[in-house]
PDB file of N, CA and C in Angstrom:
ATOM      1  N   UNK A   1      29.016  52.664  15.068  1.00  0.00           N
ATOM      2  CA  UNK A   1      28.385  53.335  13.956  1.00  0.00           C
ATOM      3  C   UNK A   1      27.055  52.639  13.664  1.00  0.00           C
ATOM      4  N   UNK A   2      26.056  53.415  13.321  1.00  0.00           N
ATOM      5  CA  UNK A   2      24.719  52.905  13.073  1.00  0.00           C
ATOM      6  C   UNK A   2      24.311  53.192  11.632  1.00  0.00           C
ATOM      7  N   UNK A   3      23.711  52.207  10.976  1.00  0.00           N
ATOM      8  CA  UNK A   3      23.228  52.395   9.614  1.00  0.00           C
ATOM      9  C   UNK A   3      21.880  53.099   9.684  1.00  0.00           C
ATOM     10  N   UNK A   4      21.837  54.312   9.138  1.00  0.00           N
ATOM     11  CA  UNK A   4      20.598  55.083   9.174  1.00  0.00           C
ATOM     12  C   UNK A   4      19.684  54.763   7.998  1.00  0.00           C
ATOM     13  N   UNK A   5      20.272  54.571   6.851  1.00  0.00           N
ATOM     14  CA  UNK A   5      19.493  54.270   5.662  1.00  0.00           C
ATOM     15  C   UNK A   5      20.201  53.161   4.904  1.00  0.00           C
ATOM     16  N   UNK A   6      19.548  52.024   4.792  1.00  0.00           N
ATOM     17  CA  UNK A   6      20.165  50.877   4.131  1.00  0.00           C
ATOM     18  C   UNK A   6      20.397  51.173   2.656  1.00  0.00           C
ATOM     19  N   UNK A   7      21.497  50.658   2.131  1.00  0.00           N
ATOM     20  CA  UNK A   7      21.875  50.871   0.744  1.00  0.00           C
ATOM     21  C   UNK A   7      20.840  50.254  -0.199  1.00  0.00           C
ATOM     22  N   UNK A   8      20.407  51.039  -1.174  1.00  0.00           N
ATOM     23  CA  UNK A   8      19.466  50.513  -2.159  1.00  0.00           C
ATOM     24  C   UNK A   8      20.166  50.195  -3.473  1.00  0.00           C
ATOM     25  N   UNK A   9      21.370  50.690  -3.643  1.00  0.00           N
ATOM     26  CA  UNK A   9      22.139  50.413  -4.854  1.00  0.00           C
ATOM     27  C   UNK A   9      23.616  50.498  -4.519  1.00  0.00           C
ATOM     28  N   UNK A  10      24.402  49.799  -5.314  1.00  0.00           N
ATOM     29  CA  UNK A  10      25.850  49.840  -5.139  1.00  0.00           C
ATOM     30  C   UNK A  10      26.437  50.820  -6.142  1.00  0.00           C
ATOM     31  N   UNK A  11      27.507  51.494  -5.741  1.00  0.00           N
ATOM     32  CA  UNK A  11      28.186  52.441  -6.613  1.00  0.00           C
ATOM     33  C   UNK A  11      29.565  51.919  -6.953  1.00  0.00           C
ATOM     34  N   UNK A  12      29.969  52.113  -8.190  1.00  0.00           N
ATOM     35  CA  UNK A  12      31.335  51.765  -8.572  1.00  0.00           C
ATOM     36  C   UNK A  12      32.259  52.883  -8.112  1.00  0.00           C
ATOM     37  N   UNK A  13      33.546  52.598  -8.100  1.00  0.00           N
ATOM     38  CA  UNK A  13      34.524  53.629  -7.741  1.00  0.00           C
ATOM     39  C   UNK A  13      34.426  54.810  -8.706  1.00  0.00           C
ATOM     40  N   UNK A  14      34.153  54.529  -9.979  1.00  0.00           N
ATOM     41  CA  UNK A  14      33.996  55.588 -10.978  1.00  0.00           C
ATOM     42  C   UNK A  14      32.860  56.527 -10.578  1.00  0.00           C
ATOM     43  N   UNK A  15      31.728  55.970 -10.159  1.00  0.00           N
ATOM     44  CA  UNK A  15      30.581  56.787  -9.768  1.00  0.00           C
ATOM     45  C   UNK A  15      30.883  57.612  -8.519  1.00  0.00           C
ATOM     46  N   UNK A  16      31.558  57.010  -7.560  1.00  0.00           N
ATOM     47  CA  UNK A  16      31.934  57.731  -6.339  1.00  0.00           C
ATOM     48  C   UNK A  16      32.867  58.886  -6.679  1.00  0.00           C
ATOM     49  N   UNK A  17      33.843  58.616  -7.530  1.00  0.00           N
ATOM     50  CA  UNK A  17      34.785  59.658  -7.937  1.00  0.00           C
ATOM     51  C   UNK A  17      34.052  60.820  -8.599  1.00  0.00           C
ATOM     52  N   UNK A  18      33.126  60.522  -9.501  1.00  0.00           N
ATOM     53  CA  UNK A  18      32.365  61.589 -10.164  1.00  0.00           C
ATOM     54  C   UNK A  18      31.531  62.397  -9.176  1.00  0.00           C
ATOM     55  N   UNK A  19      30.878  61.736  -8.255  1.00  0.00           N
ATOM     56  CA  UNK A  19      30.060  62.429  -7.255  1.00  0.00           C
ATOM     57  C   UNK A  19      30.924  63.364  -6.410  1.00  0.00           C
ATOM     58  N   UNK A  20      32.056  62.848  -5.946  1.00  0.00           N
ATOM     59  CA  UNK A  20      32.929  63.660  -5.096  1.00  0.00           C
ATOM     60  C   UNK A  20      33.535  64.831  -5.861  1.00  0.00           C
ATOM     61  N   UNK A  21      33.914  64.597  -7.109  1.00  0.00           N
ATOM     62  CA  UNK A  21      34.472  65.682  -7.898  1.00  0.00           C
ATOM     63  C   UNK A  21      33.430  66.766  -8.152  1.00  0.00           C
ATOM     64  N   UNK A  22      32.187  66.372  -8.387  1.00  0.00           N
ATOM     65  CA  UNK A  22      31.152  67.380  -8.597  1.00  0.00           C
ATOM     66  C   UNK A  22      30.839  68.127  -7.301  1.00  0.00           C
ATOM     67  N   UNK A  23      30.901  67.425  -6.167  1.00  0.00           N
ATOM     68  CA  UNK A  23      30.706  68.099  -4.877  1.00  0.00           C
ATOM     69  C   UNK A  23      31.808  69.119  -4.650  1.00  0.00           C
ATOM     70  N   UNK A  24      33.034  68.723  -4.993  1.00  0.00           N
ATOM     71  CA  UNK A  24      34.187  69.597  -4.784  1.00  0.00           C
ATOM     72  C   UNK A  24      34.097  70.838  -5.668  1.00  0.00           C
ATOM     73  N   UNK A  25      33.625  70.668  -6.898  1.00  0.00           N
ATOM     74  CA  UNK A  25      33.549  71.794  -7.819  1.00  0.00           C
ATOM     75  C   UNK A  25      32.340  72.686  -7.576  1.00  0.00           C
ATOM     76  N   UNK A  26      31.382  72.218  -6.795  1.00  0.00           N
ATOM     77  CA  UNK A  26      30.184  72.996  -6.495  1.00  0.00           C
ATOM     78  C   UNK A  26      30.516  73.995  -5.391  1.00  0.00           C
ATOM     79  N   UNK A  27      30.745  75.219  -5.783  1.00  0.00           N
ATOM     80  CA  UNK A  27      31.173  76.254  -4.831  1.00  0.00           C
ATOM     81  C   UNK A  27      30.066  76.666  -3.869  1.00  0.00           C
ATOM     82  N   UNK A  28      28.811  76.474  -4.234  1.00  0.00           N
ATOM     83  CA  UNK A  28      27.688  76.883  -3.395  1.00  0.00           C
ATOM     84  C   UNK A  28      27.550  76.005  -2.160  1.00  0.00           C
ATOM     85  N   UNK A  29      28.039  74.788  -2.292  1.00  0.00           N
ATOM     86  CA  UNK A  29      27.869  73.840  -1.192  1.00  0.00           C
ATOM     87  C   UNK A  29      28.858  74.150  -0.069  1.00  0.00           C
ATOM     88  N   UNK A  30      28.343  74.357   1.118  1.00  0.00           N
ATOM     89  CA  UNK A  30      29.176  74.603   2.290  1.00  0.00           C
ATOM     90  C   UNK A  30      29.293  73.285   3.051  1.00  0.00           C
ATOM     91  N   UNK A  31      30.499  72.785   3.161  1.00  0.00           N
ATOM     92  CA  UNK A  31      30.679  71.531   3.893  1.00  0.00           C
ATOM     93  C   UNK A  31      31.634  71.748   5.054  1.00  0.00           C
ATOM     94  N   UNK A  32      31.524  70.906   6.011  1.00  0.00           N
ATOM     95  CA  UNK A  32      32.390  70.988   7.176  1.00  0.00           C
ATOM     96  C   UNK A  32      33.812  70.640   6.774  1.00  0.00           C
ATOM     97  N   UNK A  33      34.773  71.097   7.537  1.00  0.00           N
ATOM     98  CA  UNK A  33      36.188  70.858   7.240  1.00  0.00           C
ATOM     99  C   UNK A  33      36.497  69.363   7.189  1.00  0.00           C
ATOM    100  N   UNK A  34      35.924  68.611   8.105  1.00  0.00           N
ATOM    101  CA  UNK A  34      36.193  67.170   8.148  1.00  0.00           C
ATOM    102  C   UNK A  34      35.692  66.490   6.873  1.00  0.00           C
ATOM    103  N   UNK A  35      34.502  66.857   6.406  1.00  0.00           N
ATOM    104  CA  UNK A  35      33.966  66.298   5.176  1.00  0.00           C
ATOM    105  C   UNK A  35      34.838  66.689   3.993  1.00  0.00           C
ATOM    106  N   UNK A  36      35.318  67.916   3.972  1.00  0.00           N
ATOM    107  CA  UNK A  36      36.188  68.375   2.891  1.00  0.00           C
ATOM    108  C   UNK A  36      37.474  67.566   2.854  1.00  0.00           C
ATOM    109  N   UNK A  37      38.036  67.258   4.006  1.00  0.00           N
ATOM    110  CA  UNK A  37      39.263  66.467   4.083  1.00  0.00           C
ATOM    111  C   UNK A  37      39.020  65.050   3.578  1.00  0.00           C
ATOM    112  N   UNK A  38      37.934  64.448   4.006  1.00  0.00           N
ATOM    113  CA  UNK A  38      37.605  63.088   3.576  1.00  0.00           C
ATOM    114  C   UNK A  38      37.364  63.056   2.072  1.00  0.00           C
ATOM    115  N   UNK A  39      36.639  64.044   1.568  1.00  0.00           N
ATOM    116  CA  UNK A  39      36.377  64.125   0.140  1.00  0.00           C
ATOM    117  C   UNK A  39      37.682  64.251  -0.638  1.00  0.00           C
ATOM    118  N   UNK A  40      38.555  65.129  -0.200  1.00  0.00           N
ATOM    119  CA  UNK A  40      39.843  65.335  -0.865  1.00  0.00           C
ATOM    120  C   UNK A  40      40.670  64.049  -0.871  1.00  0.00           C
ATOM    121  N   UNK A  41      40.780  63.393   0.269  1.00  0.00           N
ATOM    122  CA  UNK A  41      41.588  62.184   0.363  1.00  0.00           C
ATOM    123  C   UNK A  41      40.999  61.053  -0.478  1.00  0.00           C
ATOM    124  N   UNK A  42      39.694  60.952  -0.508  1.00  0.00           N
ATOM    125  CA  UNK A  42      39.047  59.907  -1.301  1.00  0.00           C
ATOM    126  C   UNK A  42      39.265  60.152  -2.789  1.00  0.00           C
ATOM    127  N   UNK A  43      39.130  61.400  -3.225  1.00  0.00           N
ATOM    128  CA  UNK A  43      39.375  61.733  -4.631  1.00  0.00           C
ATOM    129  C   UNK A  43      40.816  61.406  -5.001  1.00  0.00           C
ATOM    130  N   UNK A  44      41.756  61.792  -4.165  1.00  0.00           N
ATOM    131  CA  UNK A  44      43.172  61.512  -4.447  1.00  0.00           C
ATOM    132  C   UNK A  44      43.421  60.012  -4.561  1.00  0.00           C
ATOM    133  N   UNK A  45      42.795  59.230  -3.697  1.00  0.00           N
ATOM    134  CA  UNK A  45      42.950  57.770  -3.762  1.00  0.00           C
ATOM    135  C   UNK A  45      42.355  57.225  -5.063  1.00  0.00           C
ATOM    136  N   UNK A  46      41.115  57.617  -5.361  1.00  0.00           N
ATOM    137  CA  UNK A  46      40.417  57.074  -6.531  1.00  0.00           C
ATOM    138  C   UNK A  46      41.058  57.508  -7.848  1.00  0.00           C
ATOM    139  N   UNK A  47      41.726  58.650  -7.854  1.00  0.00           N
ATOM    140  CA  UNK A  47      42.407  59.095  -9.069  1.00  0.00           C
ATOM    141  C   UNK A  47      43.577  58.186  -9.437  1.00  0.00           C
ATOM    142  N   UNK A  48      44.041  57.386  -8.496  1.00  0.00           N
ATOM    143  CA  UNK A  48      45.134  56.452  -8.745  1.00  0.00           C
ATOM    144  C   UNK A  48      44.643  55.024  -8.916  1.00  0.00           C
ATOM    145  N   UNK A  49      43.372  54.845  -9.188  1.00  0.00           N
ATOM    146  CA  UNK A  49      42.795  53.522  -9.424  1.00  0.00           C
ATOM    147  C   UNK A  49      42.260  53.473 -10.853  1.00  0.00           C
ATOM    148  N   UNK A  50      41.922  52.279 -11.347  1.00  0.00           N
ATOM    149  CA  UNK A  50      41.378  52.184 -12.708  1.00  0.00           C
ATOM    150  C   UNK A  50      40.133  53.040 -12.924  1.00  0.00           C
ATOM    151  N   UNK A  51      39.421  53.372 -11.875  1.00  0.00           N
ATOM    152  CA  UNK A  51      38.183  54.153 -12.013  1.00  0.00           C
ATOM    153  C   UNK A  51      38.421  55.524 -12.621  1.00  0.00           C
ATOM    154  N   UNK A  52      39.615  56.057 -12.477  1.00  0.00           N
ATOM    155  CA  UNK A  52      39.887  57.398 -13.000  1.00  0.00           C
ATOM    156  C   UNK A  52      39.869  57.437 -14.519  1.00  0.00           C
ATOM    157  N   UNK A  53      40.019  56.276 -15.156  1.00  0.00           N
ATOM    158  CA  UNK A  53      40.040  56.210 -16.618  1.00  0.00           C
ATOM    159  C   UNK A  53      38.780  55.575 -17.192  1.00  0.00           C
ATOM    160  N   UNK A  54      37.820  55.280 -16.332  1.00  0.00           N
ATOM    161  CA  UNK A  54      36.590  54.651 -16.796  1.00  0.00           C
ATOM    162  C   UNK A  54      35.582  55.702 -17.253  1.00  0.00           C
ATOM    163  N   UNK A  55      34.612  55.248 -18.005  1.00  0.00           N
ATOM    164  CA  UNK A  55      33.518  56.096 -18.466  1.00  0.00           C
ATOM    165  C   UNK A  55      32.248  55.259 -18.464  1.00  0.00           C
ATOM    166  N   UNK A  56      31.088  55.891 -18.535  1.00  0.00           N
ATOM    167  CA  UNK A  56      29.853  55.109 -18.574  1.00  0.00           C
ATOM    168  C   UNK A  56      29.813  54.106 -19.732  1.00  0.00           C
ATOM    169  N   UNK A  57      30.349  54.493 -20.889  1.00  0.00           N
ATOM    170  CA  UNK A  57      30.358  53.592 -22.042  1.00  0.00           C
ATOM    171  C   UNK A  57      31.252  52.380 -21.794  1.00  0.00           C
ATOM    172  N   UNK A  58      32.417  52.615 -21.230  1.00  0.00           N
ATOM    173  CA  UNK A  58      33.344  51.518 -20.949  1.00  0.00           C
ATOM    174  C   UNK A  58      32.765  50.572 -19.909  1.00  0.00           C
ATOM    175  N   UNK A  59      32.104  51.126 -18.917  1.00  0.00           N
ATOM    176  CA  UNK A  59      31.474  50.295 -17.896  1.00  0.00           C
ATOM    177  C   UNK A  59      30.358  49.467 -18.517  1.00  0.00           C
ATOM    178  N   UNK A  60      29.551  50.082 -19.360  1.00  0.00           N
ATOM    179  CA  UNK A  60      28.465  49.373 -20.042  1.00  0.00           C
ATOM    180  C   UNK A  60      29.030  48.232 -20.901  1.00  0.00           C
ATOM    181  N   UNK A  61      30.087  48.512 -21.664  1.00  0.00           N
ATOM    182  CA  UNK A  61      30.713  47.485 -22.502  1.00  0.00           C
ATOM    183  C   UNK A  61      31.281  46.346 -21.662  1.00  0.00           C
ATOM    184  N   UNK A  62      31.890  46.686 -20.542  1.00  0.00           N
ATOM    185  CA  UNK A  62      32.436  45.666 -19.638  1.00  0.00           C
ATOM    186  C   UNK A  62      31.323  44.772 -19.115  1.00  0.00           C
ATOM    187  N   UNK A  63      30.235  45.384 -18.670  1.00  0.00           N
ATOM    188  CA  UNK A  63      29.119  44.606 -18.110  1.00  0.00           C
ATOM    189  C   UNK A  63      28.488  43.702 -19.167  1.00  0.00           C
ATOM    190  N   UNK A  64      28.404  44.158 -20.399  1.00  0.00           N
ATOM    191  CA  UNK A  64      27.888  43.314 -21.486  1.00  0.00           C
ATOM    192  C   UNK A  64      28.832  42.139 -21.743  1.00  0.00           C
ATOM    193  N   UNK A  65      30.133  42.407 -21.708  1.00  0.00           N
ATOM    194  CA  UNK A  65      31.129  41.376 -21.989  1.00  0.00           C
ATOM    195  C   UNK A  65      31.148  40.275 -20.930  1.00  0.00           C
ATOM    196  N   UNK A  66      30.823  40.616 -19.683  1.00  0.00           N
ATOM    197  CA  UNK A  66      30.876  39.606 -18.616  1.00  0.00           C
ATOM    198  C   UNK A  66      29.532  38.927 -18.359  1.00  0.00           C
ATOM    199  N   UNK A  67      28.492  39.297 -19.108  1.00  0.00           N
ATOM    200  CA  UNK A  67      27.175  38.671 -18.939  1.00  0.00           C
ATOM    201  C   UNK A  67      27.208  37.146 -19.012  1.00  0.00           C
ATOM    202  N   UNK A  68      27.932  36.555 -19.972  1.00  0.00           N
ATOM    203  CA  UNK A  68      27.909  35.088 -20.087  1.00  0.00           C
ATOM    204  C   UNK A  68      28.447  34.340 -18.860  1.00  0.00           C
ATOM    205  N   UNK A  69      29.155  35.033 -17.989  1.00  0.00           N
ATOM    206  CA  UNK A  69      29.771  34.373 -16.840  1.00  0.00           C
ATOM    207  C   UNK A  69      28.813  34.199 -15.663  1.00  0.00           C
ATOM    208  N   UNK A  70      27.633  34.801 -15.751  1.00  0.00           N
ATOM    209  CA  UNK A  70      26.609  34.673 -14.711  1.00  0.00           C
ATOM    210  C   UNK A  70      27.154  35.057 -13.324  1.00  0.00           C
ATOM    211  N   UNK A  71      27.753  36.227 -13.266  1.00  0.00           N
ATOM    212  CA  UNK A  71      28.312  36.742 -12.020  1.00  0.00           C
ATOM    213  C   UNK A  71      27.254  37.533 -11.267  1.00  0.00           C
ATOM    214  N   UNK A  72      27.428  37.627  -9.951  1.00  0.00           N
ATOM    215  CA  UNK A  72      26.517  38.450  -9.157  1.00  0.00           C
ATOM    216  C   UNK A  72      26.861  39.928  -9.377  1.00  0.00           C
ATOM    217  N   UNK A  73      25.949  40.804  -8.979  1.00  0.00           N
ATOM    218  CA  UNK A  73      26.192  42.248  -9.112  1.00  0.00           C
ATOM    219  C   UNK A  73      27.441  42.659  -8.339  1.00  0.00           C
ATOM    220  N   UNK A  74      27.586  42.107  -7.152  1.00  0.00           N
ATOM    221  CA  UNK A  74      28.754  42.462  -6.325  1.00  0.00           C
ATOM    222  C   UNK A  74      30.053  41.970  -6.961  1.00  0.00           C
ATOM    223  N   UNK A  75      30.025  40.791  -7.567  1.00  0.00           N
ATOM    224  CA  UNK A  75      31.232  40.272  -8.225  1.00  0.00           C
ATOM    225  C   UNK A  75      31.605  41.145  -9.416  1.00  0.00           C
ATOM    226  N   UNK A  76      30.615  41.553 -10.208  1.00  0.00           N
ATOM    227  CA  UNK A  76      30.884  42.429 -11.354  1.00  0.00           C
ATOM    228  C   UNK A  76      31.456  43.761 -10.879  1.00  0.00           C
ATOM    229  N   UNK A  77      30.870  44.301  -9.835  1.00  0.00           N
ATOM    230  CA  UNK A  77      31.324  45.580  -9.297  1.00  0.00           C
ATOM    231  C   UNK A  77      32.763  45.480  -8.788  1.00  0.00           C
ATOM    232  N   UNK A  78      33.065  44.407  -8.097  1.00  0.00           N
ATOM    233  CA  UNK A  78      34.421  44.225  -7.574  1.00  0.00           C
ATOM    234  C   UNK A  78      35.426  44.049  -8.708  1.00  0.00           C
ATOM    235  N   UNK A  79      35.055  43.293  -9.732  1.00  0.00           N
ATOM    236  CA  UNK A  79      35.941  43.143 -10.899  1.00  0.00           C
ATOM    237  C   UNK A  79      36.186  44.499 -11.555  1.00  0.00           C
ATOM    238  N   UNK A  80      35.142  45.278 -11.676  1.00  0.00           N
ATOM    239  CA  UNK A  80      35.238  46.597 -12.284  1.00  0.00           C
ATOM    240  C   UNK A  80      36.119  47.528 -11.457  1.00  0.00           C
ATOM    241  N   UNK A  81      35.966  47.487 -10.156  1.00  0.00           N
ATOM    242  CA  UNK A  81      36.725  48.374  -9.272  1.00  0.00           C
ATOM    243  C   UNK A  81      38.186  47.969  -9.139  1.00  0.00           C
ATOM    244  N   UNK A  82      38.456  46.669  -9.056  1.00  0.00           N
ATOM    245  CA  UNK A  82      39.814  46.206  -8.781  1.00  0.00           C
ATOM    246  C   UNK A  82      40.624  45.853 -10.024  1.00  0.00           C
ATOM    247  N   UNK A  83      39.943  45.493 -11.115  1.00  0.00           N
ATOM    248  CA  UNK A  83      40.611  45.065 -12.350  1.00  0.00           C
ATOM    249  C   UNK A  83      41.714  44.040 -12.061  1.00  0.00           C
ATOM    250  N   UNK A  84      41.332  42.857 -11.595  1.00  0.00           N
ATOM    251  CA  UNK A  84      42.333  41.835 -11.255  1.00  0.00           C
ATOM    252  C   UNK A  84      43.151  41.420 -12.472  1.00  0.00           C
ATOM    253  N   UNK A  85      44.378  40.991 -12.213  1.00  0.00           N
ATOM    254  CA  UNK A  85      45.286  40.622 -13.287  1.00  0.00           C
ATOM    255  C   UNK A  85      45.690  39.149 -13.261  1.00  0.00           C
ATOM    256  N   UNK A  86      45.326  38.429 -12.208  1.00  0.00           N
ATOM    257  CA  UNK A  86      45.709  37.023 -12.105  1.00  0.00           C
ATOM    258  C   UNK A  86      44.500  36.148 -11.782  1.00  0.00           C
ATOM    259  N   UNK A  87      44.653  34.848 -12.064  1.00  0.00           N
ATOM    260  CA  UNK A  87      43.594  33.882 -11.763  1.00  0.00           C
ATOM    261  C   UNK A  87      43.351  33.820 -10.250  1.00  0.00           C
ATOM    262  N   UNK A  88      44.392  33.980  -9.463  1.00  0.00           N
ATOM    263  CA  UNK A  88      44.237  33.970  -8.008  1.00  0.00           C
ATOM    264  C   UNK A  88      43.329  35.106  -7.551  1.00  0.00           C
ATOM    265  N   UNK A  89      43.516  36.282  -8.110  1.00  0.00           N
ATOM    266  CA  UNK A  89      42.654  37.408  -7.753  1.00  0.00           C
ATOM    267  C   UNK A  89      41.198  37.127  -8.138  1.00  0.00           C
ATOM    268  N   UNK A  90      41.006  36.487  -9.291  1.00  0.00           N
ATOM    269  CA  UNK A  90      39.648  36.109  -9.706  1.00  0.00           C
ATOM    270  C   UNK A  90      39.042  35.153  -8.686  1.00  0.00           C
ATOM    271  N   UNK A  91      39.821  34.189  -8.228  1.00  0.00           N
ATOM    272  CA  UNK A  91      39.333  33.224  -7.225  1.00  0.00           C
ATOM    273  C   UNK A  91      38.919  33.932  -5.938  1.00  0.00           C
ATOM    274  N   UNK A  92      39.641  34.966  -5.563  1.00  0.00           N
ATOM    275  CA  UNK A  92      39.328  35.697  -4.340  1.00  0.00           C
ATOM    276  C   UNK A  92      38.078  36.563  -4.481  1.00  0.00           C
ATOM    277  N   UNK A  93      37.774  36.979  -5.696  1.00  0.00           N
ATOM    278  CA  UNK A  93      36.636  37.865  -5.935  1.00  0.00           C
ATOM    279  C   UNK A  93      35.352  37.077  -6.191  1.00  0.00           C
ATOM    280  N   UNK A  94      35.447  36.016  -6.978  1.00  0.00           N
ATOM    281  CA  UNK A  94      34.264  35.260  -7.389  1.00  0.00           C
ATOM    282  C   UNK A  94      34.069  34.065  -6.471  1.00  0.00           C
ATOM    283  N   UNK A  95      32.949  34.063  -5.783  1.00  0.00           N
ATOM    284  CA  UNK A  95      32.642  33.001  -4.844  1.00  0.00           C
ATOM    285  C   UNK A  95      32.511  31.662  -5.578  1.00  0.00           C
ATOM    286  N   UNK A  96      33.138  30.630  -5.035  1.00  0.00           N
ATOM    287  CA  UNK A  96      33.113  29.277  -5.617  1.00  0.00           C
ATOM    288  C   UNK A  96      33.558  29.278  -7.075  1.00  0.00           C
ATOM    289  N   UNK A  97      34.549  30.074  -7.395  1.00  0.00           N
ATOM    290  CA  UNK A  97      34.989  30.200  -8.790  1.00  0.00           C
ATOM    291  C   UNK A  97      35.494  28.873  -9.358  1.00  0.00           C
ATOM    292  N   UNK A  98      36.044  28.028  -8.508  1.00  0.00           N
ATOM    293  CA  UNK A  98      36.553  26.737  -8.989  1.00  0.00           C
ATOM    294  C   UNK A  98      35.424  25.873  -9.544  1.00  0.00           C
ATOM    295  N   UNK A  99      34.239  25.984  -8.949  1.00  0.00           N
ATOM    296  CA  UNK A  99      33.095  25.207  -9.420  1.00  0.00           C
ATOM    297  C   UNK A  99      32.330  25.924 -10.531  1.00  0.00           C
ATOM    298  N   UNK A 100      32.332  27.237 -10.511  1.00  0.00           N
ATOM    299  CA  UNK A 100      31.523  28.012 -11.451  1.00  0.00           C
ATOM    300  C   UNK A 100      32.230  28.330 -12.765  1.00  0.00           C
ATOM    301  N   UNK A 101      33.566  28.377 -12.737  1.00  0.00           N
ATOM    302  CA  UNK A 101      34.323  28.759 -13.926  1.00  0.00           C
ATOM    303  C   UNK A 101      35.420  27.737 -14.218  1.00  0.00           C
ATOM    304  N   UNK A 102      35.544  27.380 -15.487  1.00  0.00           N
ATOM    305  CA  UNK A 102      36.670  26.542 -15.900  1.00  0.00           C
ATOM    306  C   UNK A 102      37.852  27.449 -16.192  1.00  0.00           C
ATOM    307  N   UNK A 103      39.013  26.878 -16.347  1.00  0.00           N
ATOM    308  CA  UNK A 103      40.239  27.659 -16.536  1.00  0.00           C
ATOM    309  C   UNK A 103      40.143  28.591 -17.750  1.00  0.00           C
ATOM    310  N   UNK A 104      39.544  28.101 -18.838  1.00  0.00           N
ATOM    311  CA  UNK A 104      39.406  28.925 -20.044  1.00  0.00           C
ATOM    312  C   UNK A 104      38.515  30.146 -19.784  1.00  0.00           C
ATOM    313  N   UNK A 105      37.489  29.973 -18.967  1.00  0.00           N
ATOM    314  CA  UNK A 105      36.605  31.099 -18.643  1.00  0.00           C
ATOM    315  C   UNK A 105      37.331  32.139 -17.793  1.00  0.00           C
ATOM    316  N   UNK A 106      38.162  31.669 -16.872  1.00  0.00           N
ATOM    317  CA  UNK A 106      38.953  32.594 -16.053  1.00  0.00           C
ATOM    318  C   UNK A 106      39.900  33.384 -16.953  1.00  0.00           C
ATOM    319  N   UNK A 107      40.558  32.676 -17.888  1.00  0.00           N
ATOM    320  CA  UNK A 107      41.460  33.353 -18.827  1.00  0.00           C
ATOM    321  C   UNK A 107      40.695  34.366 -19.684  1.00  0.00           C
ATOM    322  N   UNK A 108      39.512  33.984 -20.112  1.00  0.00           N
ATOM    323  CA  UNK A 108      38.682  34.877 -20.913  1.00  0.00           C
ATOM    324  C   UNK A 108      38.277  36.117 -20.112  1.00  0.00           C
ATOM    325  N   UNK A 109      37.918  35.909 -18.871  1.00  0.00           N
ATOM    326  CA  UNK A 109      37.548  37.016 -17.988  1.00  0.00           C
ATOM    327  C   UNK A 109      38.731  37.964 -17.787  1.00  0.00           C
ATOM    328  N   UNK A 110      39.900  37.403 -17.565  1.00  0.00           N
ATOM    329  CA  UNK A 110      41.105  38.232 -17.410  1.00  0.00           C
ATOM    330  C   UNK A 110      41.401  39.015 -18.688  1.00  0.00           C
ATOM    331  N   UNK A 111      41.137  38.404 -19.845  1.00  0.00           N
ATOM    332  CA  UNK A 111      41.355  39.091 -21.115  1.00  0.00           C
ATOM    333  C   UNK A 111      40.379  40.249 -21.289  1.00  0.00           C
ATOM    334  N   UNK A 112      39.135  40.049 -20.901  1.00  0.00           N
ATOM    335  CA  UNK A 112      38.131  41.126 -20.973  1.00  0.00           C
ATOM    336  C   UNK A 112      38.575  42.305 -20.117  1.00  0.00           C
ATOM    337  N   UNK A 113      39.056  42.008 -18.921  1.00  0.00           N
ATOM    338  CA  UNK A 113      39.518  43.064 -18.015  1.00  0.00           C
ATOM    339  C   UNK A 113      40.742  43.774 -18.592  1.00  0.00           C
ATOM    340  N   UNK A 114      41.677  43.001 -19.144  1.00  0.00           N
ATOM    341  CA  UNK A 114      42.876  43.595 -19.746  1.00  0.00           C
ATOM    342  C   UNK A 114      42.509  44.465 -20.947  1.00  0.00           C
ATOM    343  N   UNK A 115      41.565  43.993 -21.768  1.00  0.00           N
ATOM    344  CA  UNK A 115      41.123  44.779 -22.921  1.00  0.00           C
ATOM    345  C   UNK A 115      40.489  46.087 -22.481  1.00  0.00           C
ATOM    346  N   UNK A 116      39.708  46.030 -21.405  1.00  0.00           N
ATOM    347  CA  UNK A 116      39.070  47.238 -20.884  1.00  0.00           C
ATOM    348  C   UNK A 116      40.132  48.240 -20.430  1.00  0.00           C
ATOM    349  N   UNK A 117      41.157  47.751 -19.749  1.00  0.00           N
ATOM    350  CA  UNK A 117      42.212  48.656 -19.278  1.00  0.00           C
ATOM    351  C   UNK A 117      42.992  49.251 -20.447  1.00  0.00           C
ATOM    352  N   UNK A 118      43.228  48.444 -21.496  1.00  0.00           N
ATOM    353  CA  UNK A 118      43.917  48.976 -22.674  1.00  0.00           C
ATOM    354  C   UNK A 118      43.093  50.071 -23.317  1.00  0.00           C
ATOM    355  N   UNK A 119      41.779  49.865 -23.422  1.00  0.00           N
ATOM    356  CA  UNK A 119      40.891  50.885 -23.971  1.00  0.00           C
ATOM    357  C   UNK A 119      40.977  52.160 -23.151  1.00  0.00           C
ATOM    358  N   UNK A 120      41.087  52.015 -21.827  1.00  0.00           N
ATOM    359  CA  UNK A 120      41.153  53.171 -20.946  1.00  0.00           C
ATOM    360  C   UNK A 120      42.442  53.942 -21.166  1.00  0.00           C
ATOM    361  N   UNK A 121      43.552  53.223 -21.367  1.00  0.00           N
ATOM    362  CA  UNK A 121      44.837  53.887 -21.536  1.00  0.00           C
ATOM    363  C   UNK A 121      44.939  54.579 -22.890  1.00  0.00           C
ATOM    364  N   UNK A 122      44.224  54.058 -23.905  1.00  0.00           N
ATOM    365  CA  UNK A 122      44.262  54.650 -25.239  1.00  0.00           C
ATOM    366  C   UNK A 122      43.535  55.985 -25.293  1.00  0.00           C
ATOM    367  N   UNK A 123      42.590  56.215 -24.387  1.00  0.00           N
ATOM    368  CA  UNK A 123      41.781  57.417 -24.436  1.00  0.00           C
ATOM    369  C   UNK A 123      42.256  58.412 -23.387  1.00  0.00           C
ATOM    370  N   UNK A 124      42.267  59.706 -23.725  1.00  0.00           N
ATOM    371  CA  UNK A 124      42.667  60.718 -22.732  1.00  0.00           C
ATOM    372  C   UNK A 124      41.583  60.857 -21.672  1.00  0.00           C
ATOM    373  N   UNK A 125      41.975  61.357 -20.499  1.00  0.00           N
ATOM    374  CA  UNK A 125      41.018  61.555 -19.394  1.00  0.00           C
ATOM    375  C   UNK A 125      39.990  62.579 -19.737  1.00  0.00           C
TER     376      UNK A 125
END
């Protein structure tokens, strides 16, 4: 496989889900059967992830809440997409987390993620 156009921005799972759902609902767009299958399977997968309950406001609030941790864009995106629940998962996502974060910061980060998920469950889709 060859990269034709290098990525200029990263997309969250929420953004991908919205794009695919709008493509699916756009009746004017004629797509090949293979693309339709991939789109369908991707939507079905993403609907069972935390992204299905996210919104632009929730994402904005999450990003503001994690600012003090000085995370990279990719680390923030991965936290947003995966919503880790344990310190081990945080260690796997955040590079050199043992040096960059103390235990209290990891706990605080996990609490921010848990609070975000609770907010998502309280609101209807």
